[in-house]
């Protein structure tokens, strides 16, 4: 229960949502409207009818333009393709708006750098929707991993969403699993121990394999695919070393537990003007690693 002394008890953070696709409807609009830390004040999308459908259940205003949305909020959440986020997020930052950003920051490293630079220059709060990082099970796993002498790791993030359905969207099918799923898995492996080198093999549209070298001397493997027929998404990390194996598996966790934590931490960062660990600079770091993986691609 939120106490009366909490930074949002009398003034929830007013958030405008950019985007009205399936992810915007399923997560962003619903979670931001639930509060009490935030209030969904406006929705803008390039398809006006989709914006109306997204805003209507929560009584949010439908903005006629992006500028109007910025006029009606103090923070902006993005649920749009990376190329659109990279275009619009810097404009929000320049207007002094806190930004809740999707991964990846942009479709490529230069665009991601423009987003991160704009956030830094404007000195606004930023936070990434790296969903799993907000779950207590993930945080407990990372705490245990930091106490472990890790020699190597195996990991995967696999699902079949690219095979068809509402999430088989243009940018995902074009760029494949590295850009869509890579940020989640690379972030976890890098959080265990910083990645110092990364290379890839395979086809991001079918199956891609990453090999990472870490600052602690460990080597990790990461398998990524959005085009395999599995019953549900598989996200698993196994850590090996002189001690017993440590395993992280999202099969049994309830992802609904992530959203209130994400919302509360973003609202707290906005109200206290404090930096999040999972901010735009973190997004730029992950994009740098993905770019390095692409450049260090092997056919064999």
Protein backbone atom coordinates (compact mmCIF):
# COMPACT_ATOMS: atom_id res chain seq x y z
CA UNK A 1 0.00 0.00 0.00
CA UNK A 2 1.34 3.45 -0.93
CA UNK A 3 1.70 5.72 2.07
CA UNK A 4 0.66 9.37 2.10
CA UNK A 5 4.33 10.35 2.29
CA UNK A 6 5.25 8.64 -0.98
CA UNK A 7 6.38 11.00 -3.77
CA UNK A 8 3.33 10.21 -5.94
CA UNK A 9 0.56 9.91 -3.29
CA UNK A 10 -0.97 13.30 -4.11
CA UNK A 11 0.38 13.81 -7.64
CA UNK A 12 0.77 10.73 -9.84
CA UNK A 13 3.16 11.13 -12.76
CA UNK A 14 1.17 12.16 -15.84
CA UNK A 15 2.29 10.02 -18.75
CA UNK A 16 1.56 10.28 -22.46
CA UNK A 17 1.74 7.10 -24.52
CA UNK A 18 3.13 7.04 -28.05
CA UNK A 19 1.86 4.04 -29.97
CA UNK A 20 -1.33 2.01 -30.15
CA UNK A 21 -0.24 -1.43 -31.34
CA UNK A 22 -0.71 -4.76 -29.53
CA UNK A 23 2.11 -4.15 -27.03
CA UNK A 24 0.87 -0.65 -26.27
CA UNK A 25 -2.62 -2.00 -25.57
CA UNK A 26 -1.57 -5.11 -23.67
CA UNK A 27 1.04 -3.54 -21.44
CA UNK A 28 1.76 0.18 -21.59
CA UNK A 29 -1.74 1.64 -21.52
CA UNK A 30 -3.10 -0.86 -19.01
CA UNK A 31 -0.19 -0.69 -16.60
CA UNK A 32 0.28 3.07 -16.69
CA UNK A 33 -3.43 3.64 -16.16
CA UNK A 34 -3.62 1.34 -13.13
CA UNK A 35 -1.56 3.65 -10.91
CA UNK A 36 -1.48 4.84 -8.21
CA UNK A 37 1.99 6.10 -9.11
CA UNK A 38 1.12 7.08 -12.69
CA UNK A 39 -1.81 8.37 -14.69
CA UNK A 40 -2.31 7.81 -18.42
CA UNK A 41 -3.23 11.29 -19.63
CA UNK A 42 -2.99 11.04 -23.41
CA UNK A 43 -2.34 8.66 -26.30
CA UNK A 44 -0.99 9.54 -29.72
CA UNK A 45 -0.41 7.26 -32.68
CA UNK A 46 -0.13 7.78 -36.41
CA UNK A 47 -3.36 5.80 -36.78
CA UNK A 48 -5.97 7.93 -35.03
CA UNK A 49 -8.55 5.16 -34.72
CA UNK A 50 -6.02 2.86 -33.02
CA UNK A 51 -5.16 5.67 -30.61
CA UNK A 52 -8.85 6.10 -29.77
CA UNK A 53 -9.24 2.37 -29.09
CA UNK A 54 -6.19 2.38 -26.85
CA UNK A 55 -7.18 5.49 -24.88
CA UNK A 56 -10.92 4.82 -24.49
CA UNK A 57 -10.86 2.16 -21.71
CA UNK A 58 -8.95 4.55 -19.45
CA UNK A 59 -10.55 7.86 -20.31
CA UNK A 60 -7.27 9.20 -21.69
CA UNK A 61 -7.18 12.07 -24.14
CA UNK A 62 -6.48 11.24 -27.80
CA UNK A 63 -3.86 13.71 -28.97
CA UNK A 64 -4.16 15.00 -32.51
CA UNK A 65 -0.38 15.39 -32.83
CA UNK A 66 2.83 14.43 -31.10
CA UNK A 67 3.30 18.04 -30.01
CA UNK A 68 -0.12 18.00 -28.38
CA UNK A 69 0.77 14.83 -26.50
CA UNK A 70 3.92 16.49 -25.19
CA UNK A 71 1.84 19.44 -24.01
CA UNK A 72 -0.36 17.13 -21.93
CA UNK A 73 2.19 15.08 -19.98
CA UNK A 74 5.35 15.22 -17.91
CA UNK A 75 6.69 11.85 -19.07
CA UNK A 76 6.39 9.89 -22.30
CA UNK A 77 6.18 6.11 -22.76
CA UNK A 78 7.07 4.67 -26.16
CA UNK A 79 5.51 1.54 -27.63
CA UNK A 80 6.54 1.92 -31.27
CA UNK A 81 9.07 0.36 -33.66
CA UNK A 82 12.71 1.24 -32.90
CA UNK A 83 13.03 3.57 -35.90
CA UNK A 84 10.05 5.62 -34.67
CA UNK A 85 11.29 5.71 -31.08
CA UNK A 86 14.70 6.90 -32.28
CA UNK A 87 12.99 9.73 -34.16
CA UNK A 88 10.59 10.86 -31.42
CA UNK A 89 12.32 10.18 -28.09
CA UNK A 90 14.99 12.90 -28.57
CA UNK A 91 12.19 15.43 -29.19
CA UNK A 92 10.54 14.48 -25.89
CA UNK A 93 13.84 14.76 -24.03
CA UNK A 94 14.47 18.20 -25.52
CA UNK A 95 11.07 19.25 -24.20
CA UNK A 96 12.17 18.18 -20.70
CA UNK A 97 10.03 15.05 -20.56
CA UNK A 98 11.10 11.90 -18.73
CA UNK A 99 11.07 8.92 -21.11
CA UNK A 100 10.07 5.29 -20.65
CA UNK A 101 11.85 3.57 -23.52
CA UNK A 102 11.42 0.25 -25.25
CA UNK A 103 14.34 -1.89 -26.29
CA UNK A 104 16.22 -1.52 -28.53
CA UNK A 105 16.70 2.24 -28.41
CA UNK A 106 16.88 2.36 -32.20
CA UNK A 107 17.30 0.18 -35.28
CA UNK A 108 21.08 0.68 -35.27
CA UNK A 109 23.91 2.04 -33.14
CA UNK A 110 23.97 5.63 -34.52
CA UNK A 111 20.24 6.08 -33.86
CA UNK A 112 20.56 4.59 -30.38
CA UNK A 113 23.41 6.99 -29.66
CA UNK A 114 21.23 9.93 -30.72
CA UNK A 115 18.55 8.89 -28.22
CA UNK A 116 21.01 8.42 -25.37
CA UNK A 117 22.81 11.67 -26.17
CA UNK A 118 19.54 13.62 -26.25
CA UNK A 119 18.54 12.21 -22.86
CA UNK A 120 21.95 13.05 -21.40
CA UNK A 121 22.01 16.58 -22.84
CA UNK A 122 18.51 17.34 -21.54
CA UNK A 123 19.31 15.67 -18.18
CA UNK A 124 15.92 13.96 -18.03
CA UNK A 125 14.98 10.69 -16.35
CA UNK A 126 14.98 7.63 -18.61
CA UNK A 127 14.15 4.00 -18.02
CA UNK A 128 14.09 0.87 -20.20
CA UNK A 129 11.26 -1.64 -20.37
CA UNK A 130 13.55 -4.64 -19.86
CA UNK A 131 10.62 -6.55 -18.41
CA UNK A 132 12.31 -9.46 -16.68
CA UNK A 133 14.71 -7.21 -14.78
CA UNK A 134 11.83 -5.98 -12.63
CA UNK A 135 10.84 -9.42 -11.37
CA UNK A 136 11.94 -10.46 -7.85
CA UNK A 137 13.07 -13.87 -9.17
CA UNK A 138 15.42 -12.19 -11.67
CA UNK A 139 16.86 -9.91 -9.01
CA UNK A 140 17.41 -12.82 -6.63
CA UNK A 141 19.15 -14.78 -9.41
CA UNK A 142 21.52 -11.89 -10.21
CA UNK A 143 22.34 -11.45 -6.51
CA UNK A 144 23.19 -15.16 -6.24
CA UNK A 145 25.20 -14.99 -9.49
CA UNK A 146 27.35 -12.17 -8.13
CA UNK A 147 28.34 -14.42 -5.21
CA UNK A 148 29.24 -17.32 -7.50
CA UNK A 149 32.55 -18.14 -9.17
CA UNK A 150 31.24 -18.51 -12.72
CA UNK A 151 33.33 -20.32 -15.34
CA UNK A 152 30.77 -20.47 -18.11
CA UNK A 153 27.12 -20.04 -18.99
CA UNK A 154 24.52 -21.37 -21.38
CA UNK A 155 21.41 -19.36 -22.11
CA UNK A 156 18.51 -19.07 -24.52
CA UNK A 157 15.54 -16.90 -25.39
CA UNK A 158 13.27 -18.71 -27.82
CA UNK A 159 9.69 -18.26 -29.02
CA UNK A 160 7.58 -18.58 -32.14
CA UNK A 161 6.05 -15.11 -32.36
CA UNK A 162 7.76 -14.36 -35.68
CA UNK A 163 5.94 -17.31 -37.29
CA UNK A 164 2.65 -15.39 -37.31
CA UNK A 165 0.24 -13.34 -35.23
CA UNK A 166 0.09 -9.73 -34.08
CA UNK A 167 3.72 -9.61 -32.91
CA UNK A 168 5.09 -10.75 -36.29
CA UNK A 169 5.56 -7.09 -37.19
CA UNK A 170 7.73 -5.56 -39.90
CA UNK A 171 10.75 -4.51 -37.86
CA UNK A 172 10.91 -7.84 -36.01
CA UNK A 173 10.77 -9.83 -39.23
CA UNK A 174 13.33 -7.55 -40.87
CA UNK A 175 15.91 -7.46 -38.07
CA UNK A 176 15.20 -10.77 -36.36
CA UNK A 177 15.91 -12.09 -32.91
CA UNK A 178 19.12 -10.20 -32.14
CA UNK A 179 17.47 -6.79 -32.10
CA UNK A 180 14.22 -7.95 -30.46
CA UNK A 181 15.26 -10.66 -27.99
CA UNK A 182 18.96 -9.90 -27.76
CA UNK A 183 18.67 -6.92 -25.39
CA UNK A 184 16.95 -9.06 -22.73
CA UNK A 185 19.44 -11.92 -22.76
CA UNK A 186 22.57 -9.82 -23.33
CA UNK A 187 21.50 -7.56 -20.47
CA UNK A 188 21.24 -10.52 -18.08
CA UNK A 189 24.60 -11.99 -19.11
CA UNK A 190 26.29 -8.58 -18.92
CA UNK A 191 24.73 -7.94 -15.50
CA UNK A 192 26.31 -11.16 -14.19
CA UNK A 193 29.74 -9.99 -15.37
CA UNK A 194 30.46 -7.25 -17.95
CA UNK A 195 30.82 -8.58 -21.50
CA UNK A 196 34.20 -7.64 -22.93
CA UNK A 197 33.84 -9.29 -26.35
CA UNK A 198 30.93 -10.75 -28.29
CA UNK A 199 30.56 -12.51 -31.63
CA UNK A 200 27.72 -14.18 -33.48
CA UNK A 201 26.89 -16.86 -35.99
CA UNK A 202 23.70 -17.93 -37.70
CA UNK A 203 20.76 -16.05 -39.18
CA UNK A 204 18.90 -13.59 -36.89
CA UNK A 205 15.67 -14.32 -38.79
CA UNK A 206 15.94 -18.05 -37.98
CA UNK A 207 18.46 -18.81 -35.20
CA UNK A 208 21.45 -16.87 -33.95
CA UNK A 209 24.15 -17.99 -31.54
CA UNK A 210 26.22 -15.55 -29.49
CA UNK A 211 29.54 -16.22 -27.77
CA UNK A 212 30.44 -13.73 -25.05
CA UNK A 213 33.66 -13.24 -23.12
CA UNK A 214 33.27 -11.67 -19.67
CA UNK A 215 35.41 -9.53 -17.40
CA UNK A 216 35.58 -12.32 -14.79
CA UNK A 217 37.07 -14.72 -17.36
CA UNK A 218 33.83 -16.61 -17.98
CA UNK A 219 32.55 -17.51 -21.44
CA UNK A 220 28.83 -17.65 -22.18
CA UNK A 221 26.66 -18.88 -25.03
CA UNK A 222 23.31 -17.37 -25.93
CA UNK A 223 20.79 -18.90 -28.37
CA UNK A 224 18.15 -16.58 -29.82
CA UNK A 225 15.20 -17.30 -32.09
CA UNK A 226 11.69 -15.98 -32.62
CA UNK A 227 10.95 -18.49 -35.36
CA UNK A 228 10.76 -21.85 -33.60
CA UNK A 229 7.62 -23.80 -32.74
CA UNK A 230 7.66 -24.01 -28.95
CA UNK A 231 4.64 -24.12 -26.62
CA UNK A 232 5.65 -20.87 -24.92
CA UNK A 233 8.57 -18.48 -24.67
CA UNK A 234 11.69 -20.10 -23.22
CA UNK A 235 14.12 -17.91 -21.29
CA UNK A 236 16.79 -19.80 -19.41
CA UNK A 237 20.28 -19.07 -18.06
CA UNK A 238 22.52 -21.75 -16.52
CA UNK A 239 25.73 -20.76 -14.70
CA UNK A 240 28.51 -23.30 -14.22
CA UNK A 241 31.65 -23.27 -12.09
CA UNK A 242 33.32 -25.02 -9.16
CA UNK A 243 30.09 -24.66 -7.17
CA UNK A 244 26.66 -26.12 -7.87
CA UNK A 245 24.95 -25.00 -11.08
CA UNK A 246 22.77 -21.92 -10.74
CA UNK A 247 19.72 -21.82 -13.03
CA UNK A 248 17.32 -19.05 -13.97
CA UNK A 249 14.17 -20.06 -15.82
CA UNK A 250 11.16 -17.83 -16.50
CA UNK A 251 8.78 -20.73 -17.24
CA UNK A 252 7.23 -20.61 -13.79
CA UNK A 253 7.30 -16.88 -13.09
CA UNK A 254 4.31 -14.60 -13.40
CA UNK A 255 5.28 -11.65 -15.60
CA UNK A 256 2.41 -9.64 -14.14
CA UNK A 257 4.62 -9.19 -11.09
CA UNK A 258 7.08 -7.15 -13.18
CA UNK A 259 4.77 -4.30 -14.16
CA UNK A 260 3.97 -2.73 -10.77
CA UNK A 261 7.69 -2.70 -9.93
CA UNK A 262 8.56 -1.06 -13.26
CA UNK A 263 5.81 1.54 -12.83
CA UNK A 264 6.75 2.33 -9.23
CA UNK A 265 10.46 2.65 -9.97
CA UNK A 266 9.87 4.89 -12.97
CA UNK A 267 7.52 7.15 -11.01
CA UNK A 268 9.99 7.33 -8.13
CA UNK A 269 12.83 8.23 -10.48
CA UNK A 270 10.72 10.99 -12.05
CA UNK A 271 9.54 12.45 -8.73
CA UNK A 272 13.00 12.31 -7.14
CA UNK A 273 14.89 13.14 -10.38
CA UNK A 274 17.15 10.14 -9.84
CA UNK A 275 18.91 7.92 -12.33
CA UNK A 276 17.78 4.36 -12.99
CA UNK A 277 20.29 1.56 -13.47
CA UNK A 278 18.26 0.59 -16.55
CA UNK A 279 18.41 3.94 -18.29
CA UNK A 280 19.15 5.15 -21.82
CA UNK A 281 22.89 4.74 -21.27
CA UNK A 282 22.26 1.10 -20.43
CA UNK A 283 20.27 0.83 -23.64
CA UNK A 284 23.16 2.35 -25.59
CA UNK A 285 25.58 -0.12 -23.98
CA UNK A 286 23.38 -3.05 -25.02
CA UNK A 287 23.06 -1.66 -28.54
CA UNK A 288 26.85 -1.32 -28.71
CA UNK A 289 27.22 -5.00 -27.81
CA UNK A 290 24.64 -6.02 -30.43
CA UNK A 291 26.45 -3.95 -33.02
CA UNK A 292 29.72 -5.63 -32.07
CA UNK A 293 28.06 -9.05 -32.36
CA UNK A 294 26.85 -8.18 -35.86
CA UNK A 295 30.27 -6.96 -36.95
CA UNK A 296 31.93 -10.06 -35.45
CA UNK A 297 29.72 -12.44 -37.41
CA UNK A 298 31.03 -15.82 -38.51
CA UNK A 299 29.59 -18.09 -41.18
CA UNK A 300 30.96 -21.13 -39.40
